[in-house]
Amino acid sequence: MISQIGLKMIDRTTGDNVTDISNKDSEQDVKIAVLDSTLENATRRMELIHKRIDRTDERITKLNEDVRERIRALEKWVWGAGAVLTAFVVIGGLVGDLDIIPDRSEVEITK
């Protein structure tokens, strides 16, 4: 009888150990599944972030090109305005030297 009681104790202990191991296995399986899911989500987020960075880089490049084109256009306007002012100064100097327009003092003397 003692031996039968001892076997039942061993069976119960082994059964408890098997149940504990089985519970730990299921807990670990759940944790692994959660970690896999978290890793997949993180990977997707990183891919989305890289796509956003690429789109932002493209936008910045396009905006940079637009700004450079605007600066070139403004430079052309400045050069044109400088040329026109230079022409006015030169023409004004030539007209002043030609005495085409009488001075005020000459007009008063003639009267």
PDB file of N, CA and C in Angstrom:
ATOM      1  N   MET A   1       0.789  -1.169   0.000  1.00  0.00           N
ATOM      2  CA  MET A   1       0.000   0.000   0.000  1.00  0.00           C
ATOM      3  C   MET A   1       0.854   1.265   0.000  1.00  0.00           C
ATOM      4  N   ILE A   2       1.898   1.182   0.703  1.00  0.00           N
ATOM      5  CA  ILE A   2       2.793   2.327   0.743  1.00  0.00           C
ATOM      6  C   ILE A   2       3.346   2.608  -0.644  1.00  0.00           C
ATOM      7  N   SER A   3       3.632   1.552  -1.336  1.00  0.00           N
ATOM      8  CA  SER A   3       4.186   1.751  -2.667  1.00  0.00           C
ATOM      9  C   SER A   3       3.142   2.362  -3.595  1.00  0.00           C
ATOM     10  N   GLN A   4       1.873   1.996  -3.447  1.00  0.00           N
ATOM     11  CA  GLN A   4       0.841   2.573  -4.285  1.00  0.00           C
ATOM     12  C   GLN A   4       0.640   4.039  -3.958  1.00  0.00           C
ATOM     13  N   ILE A   5       0.682   4.367  -2.709  1.00  0.00           N
ATOM     14  CA  ILE A   5       0.547   5.769  -2.297  1.00  0.00           C
ATOM     15  C   ILE A   5       1.735   6.559  -2.827  1.00  0.00           C
ATOM     16  N   GLY A   6       2.920   5.998  -2.761  1.00  0.00           N
ATOM     17  CA  GLY A   6       4.120   6.660  -3.269  1.00  0.00           C
ATOM     18  C   GLY A   6       4.020   6.896  -4.759  1.00  0.00           C
ATOM     19  N   LEU A   7       3.442   5.927  -5.507  1.00  0.00           N
ATOM     20  CA  LEU A   7       3.294   6.092  -6.953  1.00  0.00           C
ATOM     21  C   LEU A   7       2.293   7.195  -7.270  1.00  0.00           C
ATOM     22  N   LYS A   8       1.212   7.253  -6.485  1.00  0.00           N
ATOM     23  CA  LYS A   8       0.228   8.307  -6.701  1.00  0.00           C
ATOM     24  C   LYS A   8       0.842   9.669  -6.443  1.00  0.00           C
ATOM     25  N   MET A   9       1.670   9.764  -5.417  1.00  0.00           N
ATOM     26  CA  MET A   9       2.345  11.034  -5.127  1.00  0.00           C
ATOM     27  C   MET A   9       3.268  11.416  -6.268  1.00  0.00           C
ATOM     28  N   ILE A  10       3.990  10.434  -6.779  1.00  0.00           N
ATOM     29  CA  ILE A  10       4.901  10.707  -7.889  1.00  0.00           C
ATOM     30  C   ILE A  10       4.104  11.117  -9.120  1.00  0.00           C
ATOM     31  N   ASP A  11       2.990  10.420  -9.379  1.00  0.00           N
ATOM     32  CA  ASP A  11       2.164  10.758 -10.534  1.00  0.00           C
ATOM     33  C   ASP A  11       1.597  12.165 -10.394  1.00  0.00           C
ATOM     34  N   ARG A  12       1.135  12.484  -9.198  1.00  0.00           N
ATOM     35  CA  ARG A  12       0.591  13.827  -8.987  1.00  0.00           C
ATOM     36  C   ARG A  12       1.683  14.887  -9.176  1.00  0.00           C
ATOM     37  N   THR A  13       2.862  14.622  -8.639  1.00  0.00           N
ATOM     38  CA  THR A  13       3.965  15.562  -8.761  1.00  0.00           C
ATOM     39  C   THR A  13       4.367  15.701 -10.222  1.00  0.00           C
ATOM     40  N   THR A  14       4.478  14.606 -10.922  1.00  0.00           N
ATOM     41  CA  THR A  14       4.831  14.645 -12.339  1.00  0.00           C
ATOM     42  C   THR A  14       3.739  15.345 -13.121  1.00  0.00           C
ATOM     43  N   GLY A  15       2.509  15.057 -12.795  1.00  0.00           N
ATOM     44  CA  GLY A  15       1.388  15.719 -13.473  1.00  0.00           C
ATOM     45  C   GLY A  15       1.409  17.216 -13.254  1.00  0.00           C
ATOM     46  N   ASP A  16       1.703  17.617 -12.028  1.00  0.00           N
ATOM     47  CA  ASP A  16       1.798  19.046 -11.736  1.00  0.00           C
ATOM     48  C   ASP A  16       2.945  19.677 -12.518  1.00  0.00           C
ATOM     49  N   ASN A  17       4.069  18.966 -12.586  1.00  0.00           N
ATOM     50  CA  ASN A  17       5.220  19.478 -13.340  1.00  0.00           C
ATOM     51  C   ASN A  17       4.892  19.608 -14.816  1.00  0.00           C
ATOM     52  N   VAL A  18       4.190  18.621 -15.372  1.00  0.00           N
ATOM     53  CA  VAL A  18       3.801  18.659 -16.781  1.00  0.00           C
ATOM     54  C   VAL A  18       2.854  19.825 -17.020  1.00  0.00           C
ATOM     55  N   THR A  19       1.910  20.027 -16.108  1.00  0.00           N
ATOM     56  CA  THR A  19       0.972  21.131 -16.231  1.00  0.00           C
ATOM     57  C   THR A  19       1.705  22.467 -16.149  1.00  0.00           C
ATOM     58  N   ASP A  20       2.654  22.571 -15.226  1.00  0.00           N
ATOM     59  CA  ASP A  20       3.442  23.801 -15.103  1.00  0.00           C
ATOM     60  C   ASP A  20       4.236  24.070 -16.375  1.00  0.00           C
ATOM     61  N   ILE A  21       4.859  23.018 -16.884  1.00  0.00           N
ATOM     62  CA  ILE A  21       5.642  23.169 -18.124  1.00  0.00           C
ATOM     63  C   ILE A  21       4.728  23.568 -19.281  1.00  0.00           C
ATOM     64  N   SER A  22       3.578  22.939 -19.345  1.00  0.00           N
ATOM     65  CA  SER A  22       2.619  23.251 -20.406  1.00  0.00           C
ATOM     66  C   SER A  22       2.141  24.700 -20.291  1.00  0.00           C
ATOM     67  N   ASN A  23       1.875  25.139 -19.068  1.00  0.00           N
ATOM     68  CA  ASN A  23       1.455  26.529 -18.848  1.00  0.00           C
ATOM     69  C   ASN A  23       2.565  27.498 -19.246  1.00  0.00           C
ATOM     70  N   LYS A  24       3.798  27.166 -18.867  1.00  0.00           N
ATOM     71  CA  LYS A  24       4.926  28.034 -19.225  1.00  0.00           C
ATOM     72  C   LYS A  24       5.113  28.086 -20.734  1.00  0.00           C
ATOM     73  N   ASP A  25       4.951  26.917 -21.391  1.00  0.00           N
ATOM     74  CA  ASP A  25       5.059  26.889 -22.851  1.00  0.00           C
ATOM     75  C   ASP A  25       4.015  27.802 -23.494  1.00  0.00           C
ATOM     76  N   SER A  26       2.766  27.710 -23.016  1.00  0.00           N
ATOM     77  CA  SER A  26       1.735  28.567 -23.597  1.00  0.00           C
ATOM     78  C   SER A  26       1.996  30.035 -23.319  1.00  0.00           C
ATOM     79  N   GLU A  27       2.495  30.348 -22.122  1.00  0.00           N
ATOM     80  CA  GLU A  27       2.833  31.743 -21.810  1.00  0.00           C
ATOM     81  C   GLU A  27       3.940  32.241 -22.734  1.00  0.00           C
ATOM     82  N   GLN A  28       4.943  31.396 -22.934  1.00  0.00           N
ATOM     83  CA  GLN A  28       6.041  31.787 -23.811  1.00  0.00           C
ATOM     84  C   GLN A  28       5.575  31.924 -25.259  1.00  0.00           C
ATOM     85  N   ASP A  29       4.680  31.041 -25.692  1.00  0.00           N
ATOM     86  CA  ASP A  29       4.127  31.154 -27.046  1.00  0.00           C
ATOM     87  C   ASP A  29       3.382  32.479 -27.223  1.00  0.00           C
ATOM     88  N   VAL A  30       2.629  32.860 -26.206  1.00  0.00           N
ATOM     89  CA  VAL A  30       1.891  34.127 -26.264  1.00  0.00           C
ATOM     90  C   VAL A  30       2.872  35.294 -26.310  1.00  0.00           C
ATOM     91  N   LYS A  31       3.899  35.251 -25.484  1.00  0.00           N
ATOM     92  CA  LYS A  31       4.892  36.325 -25.465  1.00  0.00           C
ATOM     93  C   LYS A  31       5.618  36.418 -26.805  1.00  0.00           C
ATOM     94  N   ILE A  32       5.962  35.263 -27.374  1.00  0.00           N
ATOM     95  CA  ILE A  32       6.628  35.249 -28.681  1.00  0.00           C
ATOM     96  C   ILE A  32       5.710  35.847 -29.740  1.00  0.00           C
ATOM     97  N   ALA A  33       4.437  35.495 -29.713  1.00  0.00           N
ATOM     98  CA  ALA A  33       3.481  36.035 -30.686  1.00  0.00           C
ATOM     99  C   ALA A  33       3.358  37.541 -30.531  1.00  0.00           C
ATOM    100  N   VAL A  34       3.316  38.017 -29.302  1.00  0.00           N
ATOM    101  CA  VAL A  34       3.235  39.459 -29.058  1.00  0.00           C
ATOM    102  C   VAL A  34       4.492  40.160 -29.571  1.00  0.00           C
ATOM    103  N   LEU A  35       5.653  39.583 -29.282  1.00  0.00           N
ATOM    104  CA  LEU A  35       6.911  40.168 -29.753  1.00  0.00           C
ATOM    105  C   LEU A  35       6.994  40.172 -31.282  1.00  0.00           C
ATOM    106  N   ASP A  36       6.547  39.081 -31.918  1.00  0.00           N
ATOM    107  CA  ASP A  36       6.527  39.027 -33.386  1.00  0.00           C
ATOM    108  C   ASP A  36       5.628  40.120 -33.946  1.00  0.00           C
ATOM    109  N   SER A  37       4.464  40.267 -33.357  1.00  0.00           N
ATOM    110  CA  SER A  37       3.523  41.293 -33.810  1.00  0.00           C
ATOM    111  C   SER A  37       4.111  42.688 -33.632  1.00  0.00           C
ATOM    112  N   THR A  38       4.743  42.901 -32.483  1.00  0.00           N
ATOM    113  CA  THR A  38       5.371  44.201 -32.209  1.00  0.00           C
ATOM    114  C   THR A  38       6.480  44.481 -33.208  1.00  0.00           C
ATOM    115  N   LEU A  39       7.280  43.472 -33.509  1.00  0.00           N
ATOM    116  CA  LEU A  39       8.367  43.625 -34.476  1.00  0.00           C
ATOM    117  C   LEU A  39       7.825  43.938 -35.865  1.00  0.00           C
ATOM    118  N   GLU A  40       6.768  43.246 -36.278  1.00  0.00           N
ATOM    119  CA  GLU A  40       6.159  43.510 -37.583  1.00  0.00           C
ATOM    120  C   GLU A  40       5.614  44.933 -37.646  1.00  0.00           C
ATOM    121  N   ASN A  41       4.949  45.375 -36.579  1.00  0.00           N
ATOM    122  CA  ASN A  41       4.428  46.743 -36.540  1.00  0.00           C
ATOM    123  C   ASN A  41       5.556  47.762 -36.610  1.00  0.00           C
ATOM    124  N   ALA A  42       6.627  47.503 -35.875  1.00  0.00           N
ATOM    125  CA  ALA A  42       7.766  48.422 -35.897  1.00  0.00           C
ATOM    126  C   ALA A  42       8.389  48.466 -37.290  1.00  0.00           C
ATOM    127  N   THR A  43       8.480  47.328 -37.945  1.00  0.00           N
ATOM    128  CA  THR A  43       9.030  47.273 -39.296  1.00  0.00           C
ATOM    129  C   THR A  43       8.151  48.063 -40.264  1.00  0.00           C
ATOM    130  N   ARG A  44       6.842  47.908 -40.160  1.00  0.00           N
ATOM    131  CA  ARG A  44       5.919  48.667 -41.020  1.00  0.00           C
ATOM    132  C   ARG A  44       6.049  50.166 -40.776  1.00  0.00           C
ATOM    133  N   ARG A  45       6.149  50.539 -39.511  1.00  0.00           N
ATOM    134  CA  ARG A  45       6.299  51.961 -39.179  1.00  0.00           C
ATOM    135  C   ARG A  45       7.582  52.521 -39.750  1.00  0.00           C
ATOM    136  N   MET A  46       8.655  51.749 -39.654  1.00  0.00           N
ATOM    137  CA  MET A  46       9.931  52.209 -40.211  1.00  0.00           C
ATOM    138  C   MET A  46       9.839  52.378 -41.723  1.00  0.00           C
ATOM    139  N   GLU A  47       9.168  51.451 -42.390  1.00  0.00           N
ATOM    140  CA  GLU A  47       8.987  51.567 -43.838  1.00  0.00           C
ATOM    141  C   GLU A  47       8.197  52.819 -44.174  1.00  0.00           C
ATOM    142  N   LEU A  48       7.131  53.088 -43.410  1.00  0.00           N
ATOM    143  CA  LEU A  48       6.342  54.292 -43.643  1.00  0.00           C
ATOM    144  C   LEU A  48       7.171  55.554 -43.413  1.00  0.00           C
ATOM    145  N   ILE A  49       7.987  55.526 -42.374  1.00  0.00           N
ATOM    146  CA  ILE A  49       8.834  56.680 -42.084  1.00  0.00           C
ATOM    147  C   ILE A  49       9.828  56.896 -43.215  1.00  0.00           C
ATOM    148  N   HIS A  50      10.403  55.827 -43.736  1.00  0.00           N
ATOM    149  CA  HIS A  50      11.353  55.961 -44.849  1.00  0.00           C
ATOM    150  C   HIS A  50      10.658  56.511 -46.094  1.00  0.00           C
ATOM    151  N   LYS A  51       9.427  56.080 -46.337  1.00  0.00           N
ATOM    152  CA  LYS A  51       8.681  56.618 -47.481  1.00  0.00           C
ATOM    153  C   LYS A  51       8.415  58.100 -47.294  1.00  0.00           C
ATOM    154  N   ARG A  52       8.033  58.498 -46.075  1.00  0.00           N
ATOM    155  CA  ARG A  52       7.799  59.917 -45.799  1.00  0.00           C
ATOM    156  C   ARG A  52       9.072  60.729 -45.990  1.00  0.00           C
ATOM    157  N   ILE A  53      10.183  60.179 -45.533  1.00  0.00           N
ATOM    158  CA  ILE A  53      11.464  60.877 -45.687  1.00  0.00           C
ATOM    159  C   ILE A  53      11.788  61.039 -47.164  1.00  0.00           C
ATOM    160  N   ASP A  54      11.568  59.999 -47.952  1.00  0.00           N
ATOM    161  CA  ASP A  54      11.834  60.080 -49.395  1.00  0.00           C
ATOM    162  C   ASP A  54      10.948  61.135 -50.051  1.00  0.00           C
ATOM    163  N   ARG A  55       9.653  61.146 -49.695  1.00  0.00           N
ATOM    164  CA  ARG A  55       8.740  62.147 -50.266  1.00  0.00           C
ATOM    165  C   ARG A  55       9.148  63.552 -49.854  1.00  0.00           C
ATOM    166  N   THR A  56       9.537  63.708 -48.598  1.00  0.00           N
ATOM    167  CA  THR A  56       9.962  65.021 -48.115  1.00  0.00           C
ATOM    168  C   THR A  56      11.228  65.465 -48.826  1.00  0.00           C
ATOM    169  N   ASP A  57      12.145  64.536 -49.047  1.00  0.00           N
ATOM    170  CA  ASP A  57      13.379  64.849 -49.762  1.00  0.00           C
ATOM    171  C   ASP A  57      13.068  65.294 -51.188  1.00  0.00           C
ATOM    172  N   GLU A  58      12.138  64.613 -51.840  1.00  0.00           N
ATOM    173  CA  GLU A  58      11.740  65.001 -53.195  1.00  0.00           C
ATOM    174  C   GLU A  58      11.113  66.393 -53.200  1.00  0.00           C
ATOM    175  N   ARG A  59      10.259  66.663 -52.222  1.00  0.00           N
ATOM    176  CA  ARG A  59       9.628  67.991 -52.137  1.00  0.00           C
ATOM    177  C   ARG A  59      10.671  69.079 -51.912  1.00  0.00           C
ATOM    178  N   ILE A  60      11.610  68.816 -51.024  1.00  0.00           N
ATOM    179  CA  ILE A  60      12.646  69.808 -50.735  1.00  0.00           C
ATOM    180  C   ILE A  60      13.489  70.061 -51.974  1.00  0.00           C
ATOM    181  N   THR A  61      13.828  69.004 -52.702  1.00  0.00           N
ATOM    182  CA  THR A  61      14.611  69.154 -53.928  1.00  0.00           C
ATOM    183  C   THR A  61      13.848  69.993 -54.941  1.00  0.00           C
ATOM    184  N   LYS A  62      12.547  69.720 -55.092  1.00  0.00           N
ATOM    185  CA  LYS A  62      11.730  70.484 -56.041  1.00  0.00           C
ATOM    186  C   LYS A  62      11.633  71.949 -55.610  1.00  0.00           C
ATOM    187  N   LEU A  63      11.388  72.180 -54.323  1.00  0.00           N
ATOM    188  CA  LEU A  63      11.307  73.554 -53.829  1.00  0.00           C
ATOM    189  C   LEU A  63      12.640  74.285 -54.001  1.00  0.00           C
ATOM    190  N   ASN A  64      13.739  73.580 -53.802  1.00  0.00           N
ATOM    191  CA  ASN A  64      15.062  74.169 -53.980  1.00  0.00           C
ATOM    192  C   ASN A  64      15.264  74.595 -55.435  1.00  0.00           C
ATOM    193  N   GLU A  65      14.844  73.747 -56.361  1.00  0.00           N
ATOM    194  CA  GLU A  65      14.945  74.087 -57.783  1.00  0.00           C
ATOM    195  C   GLU A  65      14.070  75.296 -58.111  1.00  0.00           C
ATOM    196  N   ASP A  66      12.857  75.332 -57.551  1.00  0.00           N
ATOM    197  CA  ASP A  66      11.962  76.472 -57.782  1.00  0.00           C
ATOM    198  C   ASP A  66      12.578  77.771 -57.270  1.00  0.00           C
ATOM    199  N   VAL A  67      13.165  77.720 -56.098  1.00  0.00           N
ATOM    200  CA  VAL A  67      13.786  78.913 -55.521  1.00  0.00           C
ATOM    201  C   VAL A  67      14.951  79.368 -56.387  1.00  0.00           C
ATOM    202  N   ARG A  68      15.753  78.430 -56.868  1.00  0.00           N
ATOM    203  CA  ARG A  68      16.879  78.794 -57.735  1.00  0.00           C
ATOM    204  C   ARG A  68      16.398  79.444 -59.034  1.00  0.00           C
ATOM    205  N   GLU A  69      15.315  78.918 -59.600  1.00  0.00           N
ATOM    206  CA  GLU A  69      14.760  79.520 -60.818  1.00  0.00           C
ATOM    207  C   GLU A  69      14.266  80.941 -60.539  1.00  0.00           C
ATOM    208  N   ARG A  70      13.616  81.138 -59.415  1.00  0.00           N
ATOM    209  CA  ARG A  70      13.141  82.481 -59.054  1.00  0.00           C
ATOM    210  C   ARG A  70      14.315  83.435 -58.861  1.00  0.00           C
ATOM    211  N   ILE A  71      15.370  82.954 -58.233  1.00  0.00           N
ATOM    212  CA  ILE A  71      16.549  83.804 -58.028  1.00  0.00           C
ATOM    213  C   ILE A  71      17.159  84.178 -59.368  1.00  0.00           C
ATOM    214  N   ARG A  72      17.239  83.220 -60.291  1.00  0.00           N
ATOM    215  CA  ARG A  72      17.775  83.528 -61.632  1.00  0.00           C
ATOM    216  C   ARG A  72      16.925  84.583 -62.322  1.00  0.00           C
ATOM    217  N   ALA A  73      15.609  84.458 -62.213  1.00  0.00           N
ATOM    218  CA  ALA A  73      14.718  85.441 -62.841  1.00  0.00           C
ATOM    219  C   ALA A  73      14.936  86.819 -62.219  1.00  0.00           C
ATOM    220  N   LEU A  74      15.058  86.877 -60.892  1.00  0.00           N
ATOM    221  CA  LEU A  74      15.302  88.163 -60.227  1.00  0.00           C
ATOM    222  C   LEU A  74      16.655  88.742 -60.625  1.00  0.00           C
ATOM    223  N   GLU A  75      17.652  87.889 -60.766  1.00  0.00           N
ATOM    224  CA  GLU A  75      18.963  88.372 -61.205  1.00  0.00           C
ATOM    225  C   GLU A  75      18.877  88.995 -62.597  1.00  0.00           C
ATOM    226  N   LYS A  76      18.092  88.366 -63.474  1.00  0.00           N
ATOM    227  CA  LYS A  76      17.910  88.930 -64.820  1.00  0.00           C
ATOM    228  C   LYS A  76      17.253  90.307 -64.741  1.00  0.00           C
ATOM    229  N   TRP A  77      16.238  90.437 -63.867  1.00  0.00           N
ATOM    230  CA  TRP A  77      15.579  91.734 -63.703  1.00  0.00           C
ATOM    231  C   TRP A  77      16.567  92.784 -63.183  1.00  0.00           C
ATOM    232  N   VAL A  78      17.384  92.400 -62.235  1.00  0.00           N
ATOM    233  CA  VAL A  78      18.357  93.345 -61.662  1.00  0.00           C
ATOM    234  C   VAL A  78      19.362  93.767 -62.723  1.00  0.00           C
ATOM    235  N   TRP A  79      19.864  92.800 -63.482  1.00  0.00           N
ATOM    236  CA  TRP A  79      20.805  93.144 -64.554  1.00  0.00           C
ATOM    237  C   TRP A  79      20.130  94.060 -65.580  1.00  0.00           C
ATOM    238  N   GLY A  80      18.898  93.782 -65.922  1.00  0.00           N
ATOM    239  CA  GLY A  80      18.165  94.633 -66.877  1.00  0.00           C
ATOM    240  C   GLY A  80      17.967  96.036 -66.331  1.00  0.00           C
ATOM    241  N   ALA A  81      17.571  96.120 -65.068  1.00  0.00           N
ATOM    242  CA  ALA A  81      17.372  97.433 -64.450  1.00  0.00           C
ATOM    243  C   ALA A  81      18.690  98.195 -64.379  1.00  0.00           C
ATOM    244  N   GLY A  82      19.773  97.508 -64.090  1.00  0.00           N
ATOM    245  CA  GLY A  82      21.089  98.144 -64.070  1.00  0.00           C
ATOM    246  C   GLY A  82      21.475  98.666 -65.444  1.00  0.00           C
ATOM    247  N   ALA A  83      21.165  97.907 -66.463  1.00  0.00           N
ATOM    248  CA  ALA A  83      21.476  98.336 -67.829  1.00  0.00           C
ATOM    249  C   ALA A  83      20.661  99.567 -68.202  1.00  0.00           C
ATOM    250  N   VAL A  84      19.382  99.583 -67.825  1.00  0.00           N
ATOM    251  CA  VAL A  84      18.535 100.736 -68.136  1.00  0.00           C
ATOM    252  C   VAL A  84      19.037 101.971 -67.390  1.00  0.00           C
ATOM    253  N   LEU A  85      19.375 101.843 -66.128  1.00  0.00           N
ATOM    254  CA  LEU A  85      19.897 102.983 -65.365  1.00  0.00           C
ATOM    255  C   LEU A  85      21.210 103.482 -65.950  1.00  0.00           C
ATOM    256  N   THR A  86      22.058 102.568 -66.346  1.00  0.00           N
ATOM    257  CA  THR A  86      23.322 102.961 -66.970  1.00  0.00           C
ATOM    258  C   THR A  86      23.057 103.723 -68.259  1.00  0.00           C
ATOM    259  N   ALA A  87      22.100 103.246 -69.038  1.00  0.00           N
ATOM    260  CA  ALA A  87      21.759 103.929 -70.292  1.00  0.00           C
ATOM    261  C   ALA A  87      21.245 105.339 -69.995  1.00  0.00           C
ATOM    262  N   PHE A  88      20.401 105.499 -68.985  1.00  0.00           N
ATOM    263  CA  PHE A  88      19.890 106.832 -68.642  1.00  0.00           C
ATOM    264  C   PHE A  88      21.028 107.763 -68.199  1.00  0.00           C
ATOM    265  N   VAL A  89      21.933 107.245 -67.423  1.00  0.00           N
ATOM    266  CA  VAL A  89      23.048 108.072 -66.959  1.00  0.00           C
ATOM    267  C   VAL A  89      23.914 108.494 -68.138  1.00  0.00           C
ATOM    268  N   VAL A  90      24.214 107.566 -69.015  1.00  0.00           N
ATOM    269  CA  VAL A  90      25.048 107.883 -70.179  1.00  0.00           C
ATOM    270  C   VAL A  90      24.336 108.883 -71.078  1.00  0.00           C
ATOM    271  N   ILE A  91      23.067 108.630 -71.358  1.00  0.00           N
ATOM    272  CA  ILE A  91      22.312 109.542 -72.224  1.00  0.00           C
ATOM    273  C   ILE A  91      22.191 110.916 -71.569  1.00  0.00           C
ATOM    274  N   GLY A  92      21.936 110.921 -70.260  1.00  0.00           N
ATOM    275  CA  GLY A  92      21.852 112.196 -69.540  1.00  0.00           C
ATOM    276  C   GLY A  92      23.168 112.951 -69.605  1.00  0.00           C
ATOM    277  N   GLY A  93      24.275 112.249 -69.470  1.00  0.00           N
ATOM    278  CA  GLY A  93      25.586 112.896 -69.563  1.00  0.00           C
ATOM    279  C   GLY A  93      25.848 113.441 -70.945  1.00  0.00           C
ATOM    280  N   LEU A  94      25.474 112.691 -71.971  1.00  0.00           N
ATOM    281  CA  LEU A  94      25.680 113.154 -73.353  1.00  0.00           C
ATOM    282  C   LEU A  94      24.812 114.362 -73.665  1.00  0.00           C
ATOM    283  N   VAL A  95      23.572 114.304 -73.233  1.00  0.00           N
ATOM    284  CA  VAL A  95      22.664 115.424 -73.486  1.00  0.00           C
ATOM    285  C   VAL A  95      23.156 116.656 -72.741  1.00  0.00           C
ATOM    286  N   GLY A  96      23.658 116.470 -71.559  1.00  0.00           N
ATOM    287  CA  GLY A  96      24.176 117.601 -70.787  1.00  0.00           C
ATOM    288  C   GLY A  96      25.389 118.223 -71.453  1.00  0.00           C
ATOM    289  N   ASP A  97      26.232 117.409 -72.051  1.00  0.00           N
ATOM    290  CA  ASP A  97      27.427 117.911 -72.720  1.00  0.00           C
ATOM    291  C   ASP A  97      27.119 118.539 -74.073  1.00  0.00           C
ATOM    292  N   LEU A  98      26.048 118.175 -74.710  1.00  0.00           N
ATOM    293  CA  LEU A  98      25.716 118.696 -76.034  1.00  0.00           C
ATOM    294  C   LEU A  98      25.068 120.074 -75.985  1.00  0.00           C
ATOM    295  N   ASP A  99      24.686 120.510 -74.849  1.00  0.00           N
ATOM    296  CA  ASP A  99      24.002 121.790 -74.674  1.00  0.00           C
ATOM    297  C   ASP A  99      22.755 121.898 -75.542  1.00  0.00           C
ATOM    298  N   ILE A 100      22.044 120.847 -75.671  1.00  0.00           N
ATOM    299  CA  ILE A 100      20.789 120.869 -76.417  1.00  0.00           C
ATOM    300  C   ILE A 100      19.730 121.579 -75.600  1.00  0.00           C
ATOM    301  N   ILE A 101      19.727 121.352 -74.324  1.00  0.00           N
ATOM    302  CA  ILE A 101      18.767 121.989 -73.439  1.00  0.00           C
ATOM    303  C   ILE A 101      19.480 123.187 -72.825  1.00  0.00           C
ATOM    304  N   PRO A 102      18.935 124.359 -73.012  1.00  0.00           N
ATOM    305  CA  PRO A 102      19.612 125.545 -72.493  1.00  0.00           C
ATOM    306  C   PRO A 102      19.570 125.594 -70.974  1.00  0.00           C
ATOM    307  N   ASP A 103      20.648 126.192 -70.398  1.00  0.00           N
ATOM    308  CA  ASP A 103      20.688 126.369 -68.959  1.00  0.00           C
ATOM    309  C   ASP A 103      19.719 127.460 -68.562  1.00  0.00           C
ATOM    310  N   ARG A 104      19.368 127.498 -67.326  1.00  0.00           N
ATOM    311  CA  ARG A 104      18.420 128.487 -66.815  1.00  0.00           C
ATOM    312  C   ARG A 104      19.022 129.910 -66.892  1.00  0.00           C
ATOM    313  N   SER A 105      20.299 129.980 -66.616  1.00  0.00           N
ATOM    314  CA  SER A 105      20.927 131.304 -66.667  1.00  0.00           C
ATOM    315  C   SER A 105      20.930 131.865 -68.088  1.00  0.00           C
ATOM    316  N   GLU A 106      21.111 131.049 -69.096  1.00  0.00           N
ATOM    317  CA  GLU A 106      21.085 131.518 -70.479  1.00  0.00           C
ATOM    318  C   GLU A 106      19.699 131.977 -70.874  1.00  0.00           C
ATOM    319  N   VAL A 107      18.694 131.298 -70.382  1.00  0.00           N
ATOM    320  CA  VAL A 107      17.318 131.669 -70.724  1.00  0.00           C
ATOM    321  C   VAL A 107      16.988 133.024 -70.120  1.00  0.00           C
ATOM    322  N   GLU A 108      17.442 133.312 -68.930  1.00  0.00           N
ATOM    323  CA  GLU A 108      17.150 134.576 -68.271  1.00  0.00           C
ATOM    324  C   GLU A 108      17.911 135.721 -68.931  1.00  0.00           C
ATOM    325  N   ILE A 109      19.112 135.458 -69.392  1.00  0.00           N
ATOM    326  CA  ILE A 109      19.905 136.512 -70.046  1.00  0.00           C
ATOM    327  C   ILE A 109      19.268 136.896 -71.356  1.00  0.00           C
ATOM    328  N   THR A 110      18.752 135.993 -72.058  1.00  0.00           N
ATOM    329  CA  THR A 110      18.135 136.246 -73.363  1.00  0.00           C
ATOM    330  C   THR A 110      16.884 137.101 -73.218  1.00  0.00           C
ATOM    331  N   LYS A 111      16.170 136.993 -72.187  1.00  0.00           N
ATOM    332  CA  LYS A 111      14.947 137.731 -72.001  1.00  0.00           C
ATOM    333  C   LYS A 111      15.284 139.141 -71.741  1.00  0.00           C
TER     334      LYS A 111
END
